[in-house]
C-alpha atoms as a PDB file:
ATOM      1  CA  UNK A   1       9.549  11.974   2.562  1.00  0.00           C
ATOM      2  CA  UNK A   2       9.952  10.127  -0.748  1.00  0.00           C
ATOM      3  CA  UNK A   3       7.351   9.548  -3.276  1.00  0.00           C
ATOM      4  CA  UNK A   4       5.463   6.866  -1.449  1.00  0.00           C
ATOM      5  CA  UNK A   5       3.801   9.374   0.550  1.00  0.00           C
ATOM      6  CA  UNK A   6       3.749  12.543  -1.397  1.00  0.00           C
ATOM      7  CA  UNK A   7       1.908  10.859  -3.954  1.00  0.00           C
ATOM      8  CA  UNK A   8      -0.814   8.762  -1.839  1.00  0.00           C
ATOM      9  CA  UNK A   9      -3.489  11.135  -2.558  1.00  0.00           C
ATOM     10  CA  UNK A  10      -3.794  10.472  -6.189  1.00  0.00           C
ATOM     11  CA  UNK A  11      -4.082   6.567  -5.800  1.00  0.00           C
ATOM     12  CA  UNK A  12      -7.642   6.761  -5.223  1.00  0.00           C
ATOM     13  CA  UNK A  13      -8.021   3.791  -3.687  1.00  0.00           C
ATOM     14  CA  UNK A  14      -7.837   1.168  -6.184  1.00  0.00           C
ATOM     15  CA  UNK A  15      -4.196   0.078  -5.787  1.00  0.00           C
ATOM     16  CA  UNK A  16      -2.484  -0.982  -3.019  1.00  0.00           C
ATOM     17  CA  UNK A  17       0.279   1.232  -1.816  1.00  0.00           C
ATOM     18  CA  UNK A  18       3.276  -1.139  -1.908  1.00  0.00           C
ATOM     19  CA  UNK A  19       2.531  -1.338  -6.026  1.00  0.00           C
ATOM     20  CA  UNK A  20       1.645   2.459  -6.552  1.00  0.00           C
ATOM     21  CA  UNK A  21       0.744   1.941 -10.011  1.00  0.00           C
ATOM     22  CA  UNK A  22      -2.428   3.189 -11.244  1.00  0.00           C
ATOM     23  CA  UNK A  23      -3.466   2.693 -15.218  1.00  0.00           C
ATOM     24  CA  UNK A  24      -5.400   5.328 -16.336  1.00  0.00           C
ATOM     25  CA  UNK A  25      -7.519   2.541 -18.658  1.00  0.00           C
ATOM     26  CA  UNK A  26      -7.021   1.000 -21.943  1.00  0.00           C
ATOM     27  CA  UNK A  27      -8.061   3.896 -24.516  1.00  0.00           C
ATOM     28  CA  UNK A  28      -6.774   7.227 -23.256  1.00  0.00           C
ATOM     29  CA  UNK A  29      -2.933   5.579 -24.256  1.00  0.00           C
ATOM     30  CA  UNK A  30      -1.545   6.578 -20.918  1.00  0.00           C
ATOM     31  CA  UNK A  31      -0.264   4.650 -17.861  1.00  0.00           C
ATOM     32  CA  UNK A  32       1.280   6.102 -14.982  1.00  0.00           C
ATOM     33  CA  UNK A  33       4.176   4.076 -13.235  1.00  0.00           C
ATOM     34  CA  UNK A  34       4.949   5.203 -10.018  1.00  0.00           C
ATOM     35  CA  UNK A  35       6.854   3.174  -7.895  1.00  0.00           C
ATOM     36  CA  UNK A  36       6.030   3.218  -4.091  1.00  0.00           C
ATOM     37  CA  UNK A  37       6.558   1.422  -0.644  1.00  0.00           C
ATOM     38  CA  UNK A  38       7.324  -2.486  -1.345  1.00  0.00           C
ATOM     39  CA  UNK A  39       9.915  -2.185  -3.535  1.00  0.00           C
ATOM     40  CA  UNK A  40      12.115   1.143  -2.047  1.00  0.00           C
ATOM     41  CA  UNK A  41      15.098   0.467  -1.846  1.00  0.00           C
ATOM     42  CA  UNK A  42      15.634   2.523   0.856  1.00  0.00           C
ATOM     43  CA  UNK A  43      17.599   5.205  -1.303  1.00  0.00           C
ATOM     44  CA  UNK A  44      14.909   7.982  -1.094  1.00  0.00           C
ATOM     45  CA  UNK A  45      14.559   6.908   2.791  1.00  0.00           C
ATOM     46  CA  UNK A  46      18.369   7.068   3.388  1.00  0.00           C
ATOM     47  CA  UNK A  47      18.510  10.043   5.215  1.00  0.00           C
ATOM     48  CA  UNK A  48      19.191   9.429   9.070  1.00  0.00           C
ATOM     49  CA  UNK A  49      15.892   9.935  11.252  1.00  0.00           C
ATOM     50  CA  UNK A  50      17.961  11.763  13.545  1.00  0.00           C
ATOM     51  CA  UNK A  51      19.275  14.194  10.703  1.00  0.00           C
ATOM     52  CA  UNK A  52      17.576  17.055  12.371  1.00  0.00           C
ATOM     53  CA  UNK A  53      19.041  16.391  15.456  1.00  0.00           C
ATOM     54  CA  UNK A  54      22.580  15.916  13.092  1.00  0.00           C
ATOM     55  CA  UNK A  55      22.185  19.525  11.765  1.00  0.00           C
ATOM     56  CA  UNK A  56      21.518  20.882  15.137  1.00  0.00           C
ATOM     57  CA  UNK A  57      24.659  19.332  16.793  1.00  0.00           C
ATOM     58  CA  UNK A  58      27.060  20.213  14.000  1.00  0.00           C
ATOM     59  CA  UNK A  59      25.579  24.036  13.718  1.00  0.00           C
ATOM     60  CA  UNK A  60      26.394  24.097  17.781  1.00  0.00           C
ATOM     61  CA  UNK A  61      30.089  22.663  17.510  1.00  0.00           C
ATOM     62  CA  UNK A  62      30.520  24.907  14.713  1.00  0.00           C
ATOM     63  CA  UNK A  63      28.805  28.350  16.123  1.00  0.00           C
ATOM     64  CA  UNK A  64      30.977  27.619  19.561  1.00  0.00           C
ATOM     65  CA  UNK A  65      34.280  27.006  17.121  1.00  0.00           C
ATOM     66  CA  UNK A  66      33.520  30.152  15.441  1.00  0.00           C
ATOM     67  CA  UNK A  67      33.110  32.374  18.429  1.00  0.00           C
ATOM     68  CA  UNK A  68      36.810  30.771  19.159  1.00  0.00           C
ATOM     69  CA  UNK A  69      38.557  31.569  16.961  1.00  0.00           C
ATOM     70  CA  UNK A  70      37.573  34.459  15.877  1.00  0.00           C
ATOM     71  CA  UNK A  71      38.549  35.924  19.353  1.00  0.00           C
ATOM     72  CA  UNK A  72      41.968  34.002  18.961  1.00  0.00           C
ATOM     73  CA  UNK A  73      42.562  35.434  15.718  1.00  0.00           C
ATOM     74  CA  UNK A  74      42.396  39.029  16.744  1.00  0.00           C
ATOM     75  CA  UNK A  75      44.138  38.330  19.882  1.00  0.00           C
ATOM     76  CA  UNK A  76      46.744  36.631  18.406  1.00  0.00           C
ATOM     77  CA  UNK A  77      46.658  38.712  15.234  1.00  0.00           C
ATOM     78  CA  UNK A  78      46.623  35.748  12.996  1.00  0.00           C
ATOM     79  CA  UNK A  79      45.135  36.024   9.053  1.00  0.00           C
ATOM     80  CA  UNK A  80      45.240  32.050   8.654  1.00  0.00           C
ATOM     81  CA  UNK A  81      42.842  31.376  11.793  1.00  0.00           C
ATOM     82  CA  UNK A  82      40.641  34.298  10.887  1.00  0.00           C
ATOM     83  CA  UNK A  83      40.615  32.894   7.616  1.00  0.00           C
ATOM     84  CA  UNK A  84      39.481  29.756   9.090  1.00  0.00           C
ATOM     85  CA  UNK A  85      37.081  31.457  11.323  1.00  0.00           C
ATOM     86  CA  UNK A  86      35.335  33.228   7.991  1.00  0.00           C
ATOM     87  CA  UNK A  87      35.335  29.869   6.021  1.00  0.00           C
ATOM     88  CA  UNK A  88      33.498  28.101   9.219  1.00  0.00           C
ATOM     89  CA  UNK A  89      31.148  30.329   9.867  1.00  0.00           C
ATOM     90  CA  UNK A  90      30.454  29.564   5.819  1.00  0.00           C
ATOM     91  CA  UNK A  91      29.790  25.927   6.648  1.00  0.00           C
ATOM     92  CA  UNK A  92      27.134  27.320   9.557  1.00  0.00           C
ATOM     93  CA  UNK A  93      25.444  29.044   7.227  1.00  0.00           C
ATOM     94  CA  UNK A  94      26.086  26.182   4.657  1.00  0.00           C
ATOM     95  CA  UNK A  95      24.638  23.667   6.899  1.00  0.00           C
ATOM     96  CA  UNK A  96      21.736  25.907   8.113  1.00  0.00           C
ATOM     97  CA  UNK A  97      20.830  26.178   4.132  1.00  0.00           C
ATOM     98  CA  UNK A  98      21.344  22.377   3.884  1.00  0.00           C
ATOM     99  CA  UNK A  99      18.809  22.042   7.102  1.00  0.00           C
ATOM    100  CA  UNK A 100      16.159  23.912   5.821  1.00  0.00           C
ATOM    101  CA  UNK A 101      15.897  22.219   2.046  1.00  0.00           C
ATOM    102  CA  UNK A 102      15.970  18.933   4.176  1.00  0.00           C
ATOM    103  CA  UNK A 103      12.880  20.221   6.214  1.00  0.00           C
ATOM    104  CA  UNK A 104      11.354  21.895   3.135  1.00  0.00           C
ATOM    105  CA  UNK A 105      11.540  18.720   1.023  1.00  0.00           C
ATOM    106  CA  UNK A 106      10.019  16.651   3.002  1.00  0.00           C
ATOM    107  CA  UNK A 107       6.337  18.724   2.933  1.00  0.00           C
ATOM    108  CA  UNK A 108       3.947  17.378   1.266  1.00  0.00           C
ATOM    109  CA  UNK A 109       2.826  18.369  -2.474  1.00  0.00           C
ATOM    110  CA  UNK A 110       0.540  21.539  -2.899  1.00  0.00           C
ATOM    111  CA  UNK A 111      -1.879  22.477  -5.573  1.00  0.00           C
ATOM    112  CA  UNK A 112       0.845  24.726  -6.936  1.00  0.00           C
ATOM    113  CA  UNK A 113       3.589  22.667  -6.205  1.00  0.00           C
ATOM    114  CA  UNK A 114       2.265  19.499  -7.179  1.00  0.00           C
ATOM    115  CA  UNK A 115       6.360  17.656  -6.195  1.00  0.00           C
ATOM    116  CA  UNK A 116       6.609  19.703  -3.027  1.00  0.00           C
ATOM    117  CA  UNK A 117       9.175  21.265  -2.433  1.00  0.00           C
ATOM    118  CA  UNK A 118      11.722  18.960  -3.062  1.00  0.00           C
ATOM    119  CA  UNK A 119      13.974  20.658  -5.601  1.00  0.00           C
ATOM    120  CA  UNK A 120      14.905  23.039  -2.872  1.00  0.00           C
ATOM    121  CA  UNK A 121      17.785  20.815  -1.616  1.00  0.00           C
ATOM    122  CA  UNK A 122      18.697  21.330  -5.446  1.00  0.00           C
ATOM    123  CA  UNK A 123      19.183  25.330  -5.083  1.00  0.00           C
ATOM    124  CA  UNK A 124      20.285  24.851  -1.407  1.00  0.00           C
ATOM    125  CA  UNK A 125      23.537  22.992  -2.900  1.00  0.00           C
ATOM    126  CA  UNK A 126      23.765  25.792  -5.714  1.00  0.00           C
ATOM    127  CA  UNK A 127      23.774  28.217  -2.871  1.00  0.00           C
ATOM    128  CA  UNK A 128      25.813  26.312  -0.941  1.00  0.00           C
ATOM    129  CA  UNK A 129      28.625  25.943  -3.729  1.00  0.00           C
ATOM    130  CA  UNK A 130      28.370  29.636  -4.267  1.00  0.00           C
ATOM    131  CA  UNK A 131      28.991  30.655  -0.548  1.00  0.00           C
ATOM    132  CA  UNK A 132      32.514  28.565  -0.342  1.00  0.00           C
ATOM    133  CA  UNK A 133      33.628  30.743  -3.583  1.00  0.00           C
ATOM    134  CA  UNK A 134      32.582  33.787  -2.092  1.00  0.00           C
ATOM    135  CA  UNK A 135      34.107  32.729   1.065  1.00  0.00           C
ATOM    136  CA  UNK A 136      37.469  31.998  -1.345  1.00  0.00           C
ATOM    137  CA  UNK A 137      37.631  35.890  -2.692  1.00  0.00           C
ATOM    138  CA  UNK A 138      37.042  37.682   0.845  1.00  0.00           C
ATOM    139  CA  UNK A 139      40.040  35.535   2.416  1.00  0.00           C
ATOM    140  CA  UNK A 140      42.198  35.928  -1.125  1.00  0.00           C
ATOM    141  CA  UNK A 141      41.564  39.563  -0.783  1.00  0.00           C
ATOM    142  CA  UNK A 142      42.804  39.906   3.330  1.00  0.00           C
ATOM    143  CA  UNK A 143      45.271  37.362   2.204  1.00  0.00           C
ATOM    144  CA  UNK A 144      47.128  39.565  -0.085  1.00  0.00           C
ATOM    145  CA  UNK A 145      46.652  42.814   1.718  1.00  0.00           C
ATOM    146  CA  UNK A 146      48.835  40.209   4.414  1.00  0.00           C
ATOM    147  CA  UNK A 147      51.575  39.483   2.441  1.00  0.00           C
ATOM    148  CA  UNK A 148      52.322  42.922   1.567  1.00  0.00           C
ATOM    149  CA  UNK A 149      51.994  44.119   5.320  1.00  0.00           C
ATOM    150  CA  UNK A 150      53.044  40.814   7.248  1.00  0.00           C
ATOM    151  CA  UNK A 151      52.204  40.919  10.903  1.00  0.00           C
ATOM    152  CA  UNK A 152      53.588  39.023  13.959  1.00  0.00           C
ATOM    153  CA  UNK A 153      51.791  35.989  14.600  1.00  0.00           C
ATOM    154  CA  UNK A 154      51.325  34.179  17.600  1.00  0.00           C
ATOM    155  CA  UNK A 155      51.882  30.620  17.423  1.00  0.00           C
ATOM    156  CA  UNK A 156      50.983  28.953  19.747  1.00  0.00           C
ATOM    157  CA  UNK A 157      47.376  30.420  19.814  1.00  0.00           C
ATOM    158  CA  UNK A 158      47.087  28.888  16.337  1.00  0.00           C
ATOM    159  CA  UNK A 159      48.213  25.482  17.201  1.00  0.00           C
ATOM    160  CA  UNK A 160      46.177  24.542  20.341  1.00  0.00           C
ATOM    161  CA  UNK A 161      42.844  26.677  18.521  1.00  0.00           C
ATOM    162  CA  UNK A 162      43.271  24.917  15.229  1.00  0.00           C
ATOM    163  CA  UNK A 163      43.794  21.668  16.860  1.00  0.00           C
ATOM    164  CA  UNK A 164      40.294  21.758  18.580  1.00  0.00           C
ATOM    165  CA  UNK A 165      39.100  22.684  14.902  1.00  0.00           C
ATOM    166  CA  UNK A 166      40.477  19.072  13.580  1.00  0.00           C
ATOM    167  CA  UNK A 167      38.481  17.904  16.252  1.00  0.00           C
ATOM    168  CA  UNK A 168      34.997  19.671  15.290  1.00  0.00           C
ATOM    169  CA  UNK A 169      35.205  20.001  11.706  1.00  0.00           C
ATOM    170  CA  UNK A 170      36.143  15.899  11.951  1.00  0.00           C
ATOM    171  CA  UNK A 171      33.186  15.013  14.640  1.00  0.00           C
ATOM    172  CA  UNK A 172      30.683  16.953  12.992  1.00  0.00           C
ATOM    173  CA  UNK A 173      31.427  15.562   9.505  1.00  0.00           C
ATOM    174  CA  UNK A 174      30.895  11.894  10.610  1.00  0.00           C
ATOM    175  CA  UNK A 175      27.605  12.864  11.157  1.00  0.00           C
ATOM    176  CA  UNK A 176      26.861  13.088   7.666  1.00  0.00           C
ATOM    177  CA  UNK A 177      28.944  10.627   6.549  1.00  0.00           C
ATOM    178  CA  UNK A 178      26.527   7.932   6.001  1.00  0.00           C
ATOM    179  CA  UNK A 179      23.839  10.397   4.215  1.00  0.00           C
ATOM    180  CA  UNK A 180      26.415  12.322   1.933  1.00  0.00           C
ATOM    181  CA  UNK A 181      27.153   8.972   0.067  1.00  0.00           C
ATOM    182  CA  UNK A 182      23.352   9.454  -1.479  1.00  0.00           C
ATOM    183  CA  UNK A 183      22.510  13.128  -0.870  1.00  0.00           C
ATOM    184  CA  UNK A 184      23.900  16.128  -2.930  1.00  0.00           C
ATOM    185  CA  UNK A 185      22.698  18.686  -0.349  1.00  0.00           C
ATOM    186  CA  UNK A 186      24.356  15.825   2.764  1.00  0.00           C
ATOM    187  CA  UNK A 187      27.570  15.349   0.594  1.00  0.00           C
ATOM    188  CA  UNK A 188      28.008  19.595   0.449  1.00  0.00           C
ATOM    189  CA  UNK A 189      27.864  19.775   4.435  1.00  0.00           C
ATOM    190  CA  UNK A 190      30.195  16.811   4.326  1.00  0.00           C
ATOM    191  CA  UNK A 191      32.528  18.244   2.394  1.00  0.00           C
ATOM    192  CA  UNK A 192      32.868  21.452   4.055  1.00  0.00           C
ATOM    193  CA  UNK A 193      33.430  19.963   7.500  1.00  0.00           C
ATOM    194  CA  UNK A 194      36.294  17.532   6.301  1.00  0.00           C
ATOM    195  CA  UNK A 195      38.019  20.247   4.321  1.00  0.00           C
ATOM    196  CA  UNK A 196      38.058  22.508   7.820  1.00  0.00           C
ATOM    197  CA  UNK A 197      39.236  19.387   9.423  1.00  0.00           C
ATOM    198  CA  UNK A 198      41.950  19.431   6.494  1.00  0.00           C
ATOM    199  CA  UNK A 199      42.447  23.541   6.944  1.00  0.00           C
ATOM    200  CA  UNK A 200      42.864  23.028  10.598  1.00  0.00           C
ATOM    201  CA  UNK A 201      45.716  20.717  10.136  1.00  0.00           C
ATOM    202  CA  UNK A 202      47.763  22.983   7.633  1.00  0.00           C
ATOM    203  CA  UNK A 203      47.058  25.821  10.394  1.00  0.00           C
ATOM    204  CA  UNK A 204      48.742  23.668  12.837  1.00  0.00           C
ATOM    205  CA  UNK A 205      51.508  22.882  10.760  1.00  0.00           C
ATOM    206  CA  UNK A 206      52.022  26.657   9.815  1.00  0.00           C
ATOM    207  CA  UNK A 207      51.939  27.604  13.684  1.00  0.00           C
ATOM    208  CA  UNK A 208      54.551  24.648  14.136  1.00  0.00           C
ATOM    209  CA  UNK A 209      56.457  26.519  11.777  1.00  0.00           C
ATOM    210  CA  UNK A 210      56.267  29.849  13.382  1.00  0.00           C
ATOM    211  CA  UNK A 211      57.097  28.369  16.436  1.00  0.00           C
ATOM    212  CA  UNK A 212      60.276  27.158  15.544  1.00  0.00           C
ATOM    213  CA  UNK A 213      61.583  29.470  12.863  1.00  0.00           C
ATOM    214  CA  UNK A 214      59.658  33.462  13.398  1.00  0.00           C
ATOM    215  CA  UNK A 215      58.934  33.623   9.547  1.00  0.00           C
ATOM    216  CA  UNK A 216      55.812  35.253  10.250  1.00  0.00           C
ATOM    217  CA  UNK A 217      54.888  34.804   5.892  1.00  0.00           C
ATOM    218  CA  UNK A 218      54.093  30.998   6.410  1.00  0.00           C
ATOM    219  CA  UNK A 219      50.738  32.706   7.658  1.00  0.00           C
ATOM    220  CA  UNK A 220      49.655  34.288   4.384  1.00  0.00           C
ATOM    221  CA  UNK A 221      50.809  30.971   2.731  1.00  0.00           C
ATOM    222  CA  UNK A 222      48.881  28.902   4.990  1.00  0.00           C
ATOM    223  CA  UNK A 223      45.889  31.207   3.892  1.00  0.00           C
ATOM    224  CA  UNK A 224      46.939  30.652   0.033  1.00  0.00           C
ATOM    225  CA  UNK A 225      46.963  26.809   0.785  1.00  0.00           C
ATOM    226  CA  UNK A 226      43.512  27.039   2.891  1.00  0.00           C
ATOM    227  CA  UNK A 227      41.474  28.679  -0.252  1.00  0.00           C
ATOM    228  CA  UNK A 228      43.275  25.991  -2.779  1.00  0.00           C
ATOM    229  CA  UNK A 229      41.929  23.429  -0.539  1.00  0.00           C
ATOM    230  CA  UNK A 230      38.373  24.865  -0.497  1.00  0.00           C
ATOM    231  CA  UNK A 231      38.505  25.247  -4.053  1.00  0.00           C
ATOM    232  CA  UNK A 232      39.892  22.263  -5.064  1.00  0.00           C
ATOM    233  CA  UNK A 233      36.806  20.414  -2.686  1.00  0.00           C
ATOM    234  CA  UNK A 234      33.866  22.624  -3.996  1.00  0.00           C
ATOM    235  CA  UNK A 235      34.794  23.035  -7.487  1.00  0.00           C
ATOM    236  CA  UNK A 236      32.804  19.155  -8.038  1.00  0.00           C
ATOM    237  CA  UNK A 237      29.470  20.556  -5.797  1.00  0.00           C
ATOM    238  CA  UNK A 238      29.422  23.521  -7.867  1.00  0.00           C
ATOM    239  CA  UNK A 239      29.679  22.078 -11.259  1.00  0.00           C
ATOM    240  CA  UNK A 240      26.876  18.818 -10.117  1.00  0.00           C
ATOM    241  CA  UNK A 241      24.563  21.279  -8.466  1.00  0.00           C
ATOM    242  CA  UNK A 242      24.106  23.996 -11.474  1.00  0.00           C
ATOM    243  CA  UNK A 243      23.853  20.740 -13.445  1.00  0.00           C
ATOM    244  CA  UNK A 244      21.308  19.538 -11.270  1.00  0.00           C
ATOM    245  CA  UNK A 245      19.629  22.973 -11.375  1.00  0.00           C
ATOM    246  CA  UNK A 246      19.502  23.204 -15.446  1.00  0.00           C
ATOM    247  CA  UNK A 247      17.663  19.653 -15.131  1.00  0.00           C
ATOM    248  CA  UNK A 248      20.651  17.586 -16.570  1.00  0.00           C
ATOM    249  CA  UNK A 249      20.321  13.454 -15.485  1.00  0.00           C
ATOM    250  CA  UNK A 250      22.089  12.753 -12.792  1.00  0.00           C
ATOM    251  CA  UNK A 251      25.533  11.691 -12.809  1.00  0.00           C
ATOM    252  CA  UNK A 252      24.731   8.014 -11.157  1.00  0.00           C
ATOM    253  CA  UNK A 253      22.972   7.614 -14.402  1.00  0.00           C
ATOM    254  CA  UNK A 254      23.667   6.180 -17.357  1.00  0.00           C
ATOM    255  CA  UNK A 255      20.517   7.415 -19.988  1.00  0.00           C
ATOM    256  CA  UNK A 256      21.720   5.294 -23.261  1.00  0.00           C
ATOM    257  CA  UNK A 257      21.447   2.243 -20.713  1.00  0.00           C
ATOM    258  CA  UNK A 258      18.137   3.305 -19.185  1.00  0.00           C
ATOM    259  CA  UNK A 259      17.044   3.859 -22.927  1.00  0.00           C
ATOM    260  CA  UNK A 260      18.295   0.028 -24.080  1.00  0.00           C
ATOM    261  CA  UNK A 261      16.454  -1.100 -21.170  1.00  0.00           C
ATOM    262  CA  UNK A 262      13.180   0.454 -22.359  1.00  0.00           C
ATOM    263  CA  UNK A 263      13.432  -0.691 -25.889  1.00  0.00           C
ATOM    264  CA  UNK A 264      14.175  -4.059 -24.583  1.00  0.00           C
ATOM    265  CA  UNK A 265      10.954  -4.609 -23.018  1.00  0.00           C
ATOM    266  CA  UNK A 266       8.617  -7.375 -24.288  1.00  0.00           C
ATOM    267  CA  UNK A 267       6.004  -5.583 -27.450  1.00  0.00           C
ATOM    268  CA  UNK A 268       8.324  -2.269 -27.070  1.00  0.00           C
ATOM    269  CA  UNK A 269       9.248  -1.081 -30.806  1.00  0.00           C
ATOM    270  CA  UNK A 270      10.461   2.075 -29.993  1.00  0.00           C
ATOM    271  CA  UNK A 271      11.224   4.464 -27.144  1.00  0.00           C
ATOM    272  CA  UNK A 272      11.053   8.120 -27.358  1.00  0.00           C
ATOM    273  CA  UNK A 273      10.296  11.485 -25.712  1.00  0.00           C
ATOM    274  CA  UNK A 274      12.811   9.983 -23.164  1.00  0.00           C
ATOM    275  CA  UNK A 275      13.516  12.522 -19.892  1.00  0.00           C
ATOM    276  CA  UNK A 276      15.064  11.802 -16.902  1.00  0.00           C
ATOM    277  CA  UNK A 277      15.979  15.001 -14.484  1.00  0.00           C
ATOM    278  CA  UNK A 278      16.516  15.176 -10.682  1.00  0.00           C
ATOM    279  CA  UNK A 279      13.544  16.367  -8.633  1.00  0.00           C
ATOM    280  CA  UNK A 280      15.430  16.525  -5.737  1.00  0.00           C
ATOM    281  CA  UNK A 281      19.231  16.175  -4.948  1.00  0.00           C
ATOM    282  CA  UNK A 282      17.655  12.356  -4.058  1.00  0.00           C
ATOM    283  CA  UNK A 283      15.042  11.699  -6.266  1.00  0.00           C
ATOM    284  CA  UNK A 284      14.891  11.060 -10.007  1.00  0.00           C
ATOM    285  CA  UNK A 285      12.059  11.348 -12.202  1.00  0.00           C
ATOM    286  CA  UNK A 286      11.652   9.937 -15.781  1.00  0.00           C
ATOM    287  CA  UNK A 287       8.978  10.557 -18.901  1.00  0.00           C
ATOM    288  CA  UNK A 288       9.036   8.408 -21.549  1.00  0.00           C
ATOM    289  CA  UNK A 289       6.716   7.428 -24.817  1.00  0.00           C
ATOM    290  CA  UNK A 290       7.018   3.483 -25.548  1.00  0.00           C
ATOM    291  CA  UNK A 291       5.679   2.709 -28.688  1.00  0.00           C
ATOM    292  CA  UNK A 292       3.704  -0.931 -28.491  1.00  0.00           C
ATOM    293  CA  UNK A 293       1.690  -1.890 -31.792  1.00  0.00           C
ATOM    294  CA  UNK A 294       0.524  -4.996 -30.301  1.00  0.00           C
ATOM    295  CA  UNK A 295      -1.677  -3.561 -27.938  1.00  0.00           C
ATOM    296  CA  UNK A 296      -1.611  -1.858 -24.737  1.00  0.00           C
ATOM    297  CA  UNK A 297      -0.123  -3.754 -22.094  1.00  0.00           C
ATOM    298  CA  UNK A 298      -1.629  -4.372 -18.475  1.00  0.00           C
ATOM    299  CA  UNK A 299      -1.073  -2.785 -14.752  1.00  0.00           C
ATOM    300  CA  UNK A 300       1.832  -5.600 -14.427  1.00  0.00           C
ATOM    301  CA  UNK A 301       3.842  -4.564 -17.127  1.00  0.00           C
ATOM    302  CA  UNK A 302       3.848  -1.083 -16.073  1.00  0.00           C
ATOM    303  CA  UNK A 303       4.519  -2.230 -12.295  1.00  0.00           C
ATOM    304  CA  UNK A 304       6.715  -4.343 -12.832  1.00  0.00           C
ATOM    305  CA  UNK A 305       8.446  -1.644 -14.868  1.00  0.00           C
ATOM    306  CA  UNK A 306       8.873   0.896 -12.542  1.00  0.00           C
ATOM    307  CA  UNK A 307      10.204  -1.949  -9.662  1.00  0.00           C
ATOM    308  CA  UNK A 308      12.876  -2.200 -12.874  1.00  0.00           C
ATOM    309  CA  UNK A 309      13.995   1.281 -12.998  1.00  0.00           C
ATOM    310  CA  UNK A 310      13.966   2.037  -9.197  1.00  0.00           C
ATOM    311  CA  UNK A 311      16.064  -1.060  -8.800  1.00  0.00           C
ATOM    312  CA  UNK A 312      18.144  -1.127 -11.147  1.00  0.00           C
ATOM    313  CA  UNK A 313      18.868   2.719 -11.858  1.00  0.00           C
ATOM    314  CA  UNK A 314      17.287   4.421  -8.637  1.00  0.00           C
ATOM    315  CA  UNK A 315      14.870   6.394 -10.949  1.00  0.00           C
ATOM    316  CA  UNK A 316      11.761   6.390  -8.234  1.00  0.00           C
ATOM    317  CA  UNK A 317       9.290   8.371 -10.308  1.00  0.00           C
ATOM    318  CA  UNK A 318       8.839   7.055 -13.570  1.00  0.00           C
ATOM    319  CA  UNK A 319       5.491   8.148 -16.045  1.00  0.00           C
ATOM    320  CA  UNK A 320       5.321   6.175 -19.537  1.00  0.00           C
ATOM    321  CA  UNK A 321       2.638   6.710 -21.799  1.00  0.00           C
ATOM    322  CA  UNK A 322       1.769   3.446 -24.226  1.00  0.00           C
ATOM    323  CA  UNK A 323       1.086   4.778 -28.154  1.00  0.00           C
ATOM    324  CA  UNK A 324       0.005   1.382 -29.317  1.00  0.00           C
ATOM    325  CA  UNK A 325      -0.435   3.090 -33.639  1.00  0.00           C
ATOM    326  CA  UNK A 326       3.472   2.569 -34.305  1.00  0.00           C
ATOM    327  CA  UNK A 327       1.741   4.362 -37.897  1.00  0.00           C
ATOM    328  CA  UNK A 328       0.491   7.405 -35.906  1.00  0.00           C
ATOM    329  CA  UNK A 329       3.014  10.073 -35.521  1.00  0.00           C
ATOM    330  CA  UNK A 330       3.606  11.530 -32.211  1.00  0.00           C
ATOM    331  CA  UNK A 331       4.128  15.134 -32.024  1.00  0.00           C
ATOM    332  CA  UNK A 332       7.403  14.617 -29.404  1.00  0.00           C
ATOM    333  CA  UNK A 333       8.831  11.848 -31.521  1.00  0.00           C
ATOM    334  CA  UNK A 334      11.764  13.904 -32.537  1.00  0.00           C
ATOM    335  CA  UNK A 335      14.608  13.738 -29.482  1.00  0.00           C
ATOM    336  CA  UNK A 336      14.680  17.626 -30.693  1.00  0.00           C
ATOM    337  CA  UNK A 337      11.578  18.577 -29.512  1.00  0.00           C
ATOM    338  CA  UNK A 338      10.848  19.012 -25.479  1.00  0.00           C
END
């Protein structure tokens, strides 16, 4: 899935794949550093090998639960249960989107899609965040209607079904706990499921209050709390996925530190046209021009540079252009020109 496999085709056999750097020769002023297998530190391959099974299991569990919850919601006339079922259904769609994106992201590059389909994971994260907010809107509309026309609710049914929901969602979330640390796409799935577990706990509490007091307004109030929880938990996902879609520097990377690191390399007089952007929710690319008046460095320089960028900043796909004539002005020297 990582760059190591997707770029072997253009190594032309003159470098071992564990080095993964090819130098275009001293005359053309370009050196490309690609970080490949030998110094991968696992984050490109952080997806568990059985992630497909994790998706299948989570989708199956949630689908069964949605059917049970909708049935119970109609039978007990509970808005909180139907709201929860609606959100669980959006979770199923979210899981399917994230699953499809993880499959597409592992496709090799083609003539048209030279990066492969890696950025589909960013599109899926944006779609998932948007899906959550659509669900919030639908729940709010129905909740406001229910405030105007409160209906009696069978609290015991709410408690039983929602308690089951805590188990289903927590179990599903555990499947993505590891991958969610490094992949926004998986974190979207993880946050949805954890939010659902918390929401189900809220429904259990609402059911207990209804059983004890008979106060049916607590049902739409629980729905409002549910929407607040979903909104709060999904806001950072929406913000971060949109930033990724706009090719912003990933939040985990300090661009100033990257610039300082490049400027501190021996022989580097100046750095310009520096760009860092997400190729997918797990992989980051960099391009930069290094002004090195002392002459063209060898492949070992580029190899070490790519290794350090991968190790220190988790930038796995660097492309470096070397400029040896300091007095020759590069057309991209101004930071305002892209």
